[in-house]
N, C-alpha and C. Protein backbone atom coordinates (compact mmCIF):
# COMPACT_ATOMS: atom_id res chain seq x y z
N UNK A 1 -0.35 0.84 5.49
CA UNK A 1 0.79 0.92 4.61
C UNK A 1 0.35 1.34 3.22
N UNK A 2 1.20 2.09 2.60
CA UNK A 2 0.92 2.39 1.20
C UNK A 2 1.45 1.22 0.36
N UNK A 3 1.12 1.18 -0.93
CA UNK A 3 1.52 0.04 -1.76
C UNK A 3 3.03 -0.21 -1.81
N UNK A 4 3.83 0.85 -1.82
CA UNK A 4 5.29 0.68 -1.86
C UNK A 4 5.78 0.03 -0.57
N UNK A 5 5.28 0.49 0.56
CA UNK A 5 5.66 -0.09 1.85
C UNK A 5 5.23 -1.55 1.95
N UNK A 6 4.02 -1.84 1.46
CA UNK A 6 3.53 -3.21 1.52
C UNK A 6 4.39 -4.14 0.67
N UNK A 7 4.77 -3.69 -0.54
CA UNK A 7 5.63 -4.51 -1.39
C UNK A 7 6.98 -4.75 -0.71
N UNK A 8 7.52 -3.72 -0.06
CA UNK A 8 8.79 -3.88 0.65
C UNK A 8 8.65 -4.86 1.81
N UNK A 9 7.54 -4.78 2.54
CA UNK A 9 7.31 -5.69 3.66
C UNK A 9 7.13 -7.13 3.17
N UNK A 10 6.42 -7.31 2.08
CA UNK A 10 6.23 -8.65 1.51
C UNK A 10 7.59 -9.20 1.04
N UNK A 11 8.40 -8.37 0.41
CA UNK A 11 9.72 -8.81 -0.03
C UNK A 11 10.58 -9.21 1.17
N UNK A 12 10.48 -8.47 2.25
CA UNK A 12 11.23 -8.80 3.46
C UNK A 12 10.79 -10.16 4.01
N UNK A 13 9.48 -10.37 4.07
CA UNK A 13 8.97 -11.66 4.57
C UNK A 13 9.39 -12.80 3.65
N UNK A 14 9.34 -12.58 2.35
CA UNK A 14 9.73 -13.62 1.40
C UNK A 14 11.21 -13.96 1.51
N UNK A 15 12.04 -12.99 1.84
CA UNK A 15 13.48 -13.22 1.97
C UNK A 15 13.85 -13.84 3.31
N UNK A 16 12.98 -13.71 4.29
CA UNK A 16 13.26 -14.26 5.62
C UNK A 16 13.11 -15.78 5.61
N UNK A 17 13.81 -16.42 6.49
CA UNK A 17 13.71 -17.88 6.60
C UNK A 17 12.71 -18.20 7.71
N UNK A 18 11.45 -18.08 7.39
CA UNK A 18 10.39 -18.29 8.36
C UNK A 18 9.98 -19.76 8.32
N UNK A 19 9.93 -20.37 9.49
CA UNK A 19 9.51 -21.76 9.60
C UNK A 19 8.87 -21.97 10.96
N UNK A 20 7.92 -22.88 11.02
CA UNK A 20 7.33 -23.22 12.30
C UNK A 20 8.39 -23.85 13.20
N UNK A 21 8.35 -23.55 14.48
CA UNK A 21 9.31 -24.19 15.38
C UNK A 21 9.02 -25.68 15.49
N UNK A 22 10.02 -26.42 15.92
CA UNK A 22 9.86 -27.86 16.11
C UNK A 22 10.26 -28.23 17.53
N UNK A 23 9.47 -29.05 18.14
CA UNK A 23 9.80 -29.56 19.46
C UNK A 23 10.85 -30.65 19.31
N UNK A 24 11.73 -30.79 20.30
CA UNK A 24 12.79 -31.80 20.19
C UNK A 24 12.20 -33.21 20.12
N UNK A 25 10.99 -33.38 20.64
CA UNK A 25 10.33 -34.68 20.59
C UNK A 25 9.69 -34.94 19.22
N UNK A 26 9.65 -33.91 18.39
CA UNK A 26 9.02 -33.98 17.07
C UNK A 26 9.99 -33.42 16.02
N UNK A 27 11.12 -34.08 15.78
CA UNK A 27 12.15 -33.52 14.91
C UNK A 27 11.71 -33.27 13.46
N UNK A 28 10.71 -33.97 13.00
CA UNK A 28 10.23 -33.76 11.62
C UNK A 28 9.19 -32.64 11.52
N UNK A 29 8.73 -32.14 12.65
CA UNK A 29 7.76 -31.05 12.64
C UNK A 29 6.35 -31.49 12.29
N UNK A 30 6.07 -32.76 12.42
CA UNK A 30 4.76 -33.29 12.04
C UNK A 30 3.62 -32.65 12.85
N UNK A 31 3.91 -32.31 14.11
CA UNK A 31 2.87 -31.76 14.97
C UNK A 31 3.11 -30.29 15.31
N UNK A 32 3.96 -29.61 14.54
CA UNK A 32 4.28 -28.22 14.83
C UNK A 32 3.05 -27.32 14.87
N UNK A 33 2.14 -27.52 13.94
CA UNK A 33 0.94 -26.67 13.89
C UNK A 33 0.14 -26.83 15.19
N UNK A 34 0.05 -28.03 15.70
CA UNK A 34 -0.70 -28.29 16.93
C UNK A 34 0.06 -27.79 18.16
N UNK A 35 1.37 -28.01 18.18
CA UNK A 35 2.17 -27.65 19.34
C UNK A 35 2.41 -26.14 19.44
N UNK A 36 2.41 -25.45 18.32
CA UNK A 36 2.70 -24.02 18.29
C UNK A 36 1.61 -23.26 17.51
N UNK A 37 0.40 -23.23 18.03
CA UNK A 37 -0.72 -22.63 17.28
C UNK A 37 -0.61 -21.12 17.09
N UNK A 38 0.24 -20.44 17.85
CA UNK A 38 0.36 -18.99 17.73
C UNK A 38 1.47 -18.59 16.76
N UNK A 39 2.05 -19.55 16.04
CA UNK A 39 3.12 -19.26 15.10
C UNK A 39 2.62 -19.38 13.66
N UNK A 40 3.26 -18.65 12.76
CA UNK A 40 2.92 -18.68 11.34
C UNK A 40 4.01 -19.39 10.56
N UNK A 41 3.62 -20.04 9.47
CA UNK A 41 4.63 -20.54 8.55
C UNK A 41 4.90 -19.45 7.51
N UNK A 42 5.80 -19.69 6.59
CA UNK A 42 6.19 -18.66 5.63
C UNK A 42 5.02 -18.19 4.76
N UNK A 43 4.21 -19.11 4.29
CA UNK A 43 3.08 -18.74 3.43
C UNK A 43 2.06 -17.90 4.20
N UNK A 44 1.79 -18.28 5.43
CA UNK A 44 0.83 -17.52 6.24
C UNK A 44 1.36 -16.13 6.56
N UNK A 45 2.65 -16.03 6.84
CA UNK A 45 3.25 -14.73 7.14
C UNK A 45 3.16 -13.80 5.93
N UNK A 46 3.46 -14.36 4.75
CA UNK A 46 3.37 -13.54 3.53
C UNK A 46 1.94 -13.07 3.30
N UNK A 47 1.00 -13.97 3.45
CA UNK A 47 -0.42 -13.63 3.24
C UNK A 47 -0.88 -12.57 4.25
N UNK A 48 -0.43 -12.68 5.48
CA UNK A 48 -0.82 -11.71 6.51
C UNK A 48 -0.30 -10.32 6.19
N UNK A 49 0.92 -10.23 5.68
CA UNK A 49 1.48 -8.92 5.31
C UNK A 49 0.84 -8.41 4.03
N UNK A 50 0.64 -9.29 3.05
CA UNK A 50 0.08 -8.87 1.76
C UNK A 50 -1.39 -8.48 1.88
N UNK A 51 -2.13 -9.19 2.74
CA UNK A 51 -3.57 -8.95 2.89
C UNK A 51 -3.94 -8.99 4.38
N UNK A 52 -3.58 -7.96 5.13
CA UNK A 52 -3.87 -7.99 6.57
C UNK A 52 -5.37 -8.00 6.84
N UNK A 53 -5.77 -8.66 7.92
CA UNK A 53 -7.20 -8.69 8.25
C UNK A 53 -7.66 -7.30 8.71
N UNK A 54 -8.93 -7.04 8.47
CA UNK A 54 -9.52 -5.80 8.97
C UNK A 54 -9.68 -5.90 10.48
N UNK A 55 -9.99 -4.79 11.11
CA UNK A 55 -10.10 -4.78 12.57
C UNK A 55 -11.21 -5.69 13.08
N UNK A 56 -12.19 -6.00 12.25
CA UNK A 56 -13.29 -6.87 12.68
C UNK A 56 -13.08 -8.33 12.26
N UNK A 57 -11.90 -8.66 11.72
CA UNK A 57 -11.60 -10.02 11.30
C UNK A 57 -10.59 -10.65 12.26
N UNK A 58 -10.64 -11.96 12.37
CA UNK A 58 -9.72 -12.69 13.24
C UNK A 58 -8.34 -12.83 12.58
N UNK A 59 -7.32 -12.96 13.43
CA UNK A 59 -5.99 -13.28 12.94
C UNK A 59 -5.95 -14.75 12.57
N UNK A 60 -5.03 -15.15 11.69
CA UNK A 60 -4.97 -16.56 11.27
C UNK A 60 -4.25 -17.47 12.26
N UNK A 61 -4.14 -17.04 13.50
CA UNK A 61 -3.47 -17.84 14.53
C UNK A 61 -4.32 -17.87 15.79
N UNK A 62 -4.03 -18.83 16.64
CA UNK A 62 -4.70 -18.90 17.94
C UNK A 62 -3.97 -17.97 18.90
N UNK A 63 -4.69 -17.06 19.50
CA UNK A 63 -4.09 -16.12 20.44
C UNK A 63 -4.70 -16.35 21.81
N UNK A 64 -3.82 -16.54 22.80
CA UNK A 64 -4.29 -16.68 24.18
C UNK A 64 -4.89 -17.96 24.42
């Protein structure tokens, strides 16, 4: 992405209502990070768009 596209993508992520999912057994979301390791919270999503990892770096989530 060029800088203009990246700023637009960051603005989109900031405007979105991104939240970790919650299991019905965990209504407060205390264990959301453990139960949903492949999901991002709002801060992580913004950071990923603003500063994406290089091809030789890991993603900030558990995959597979």
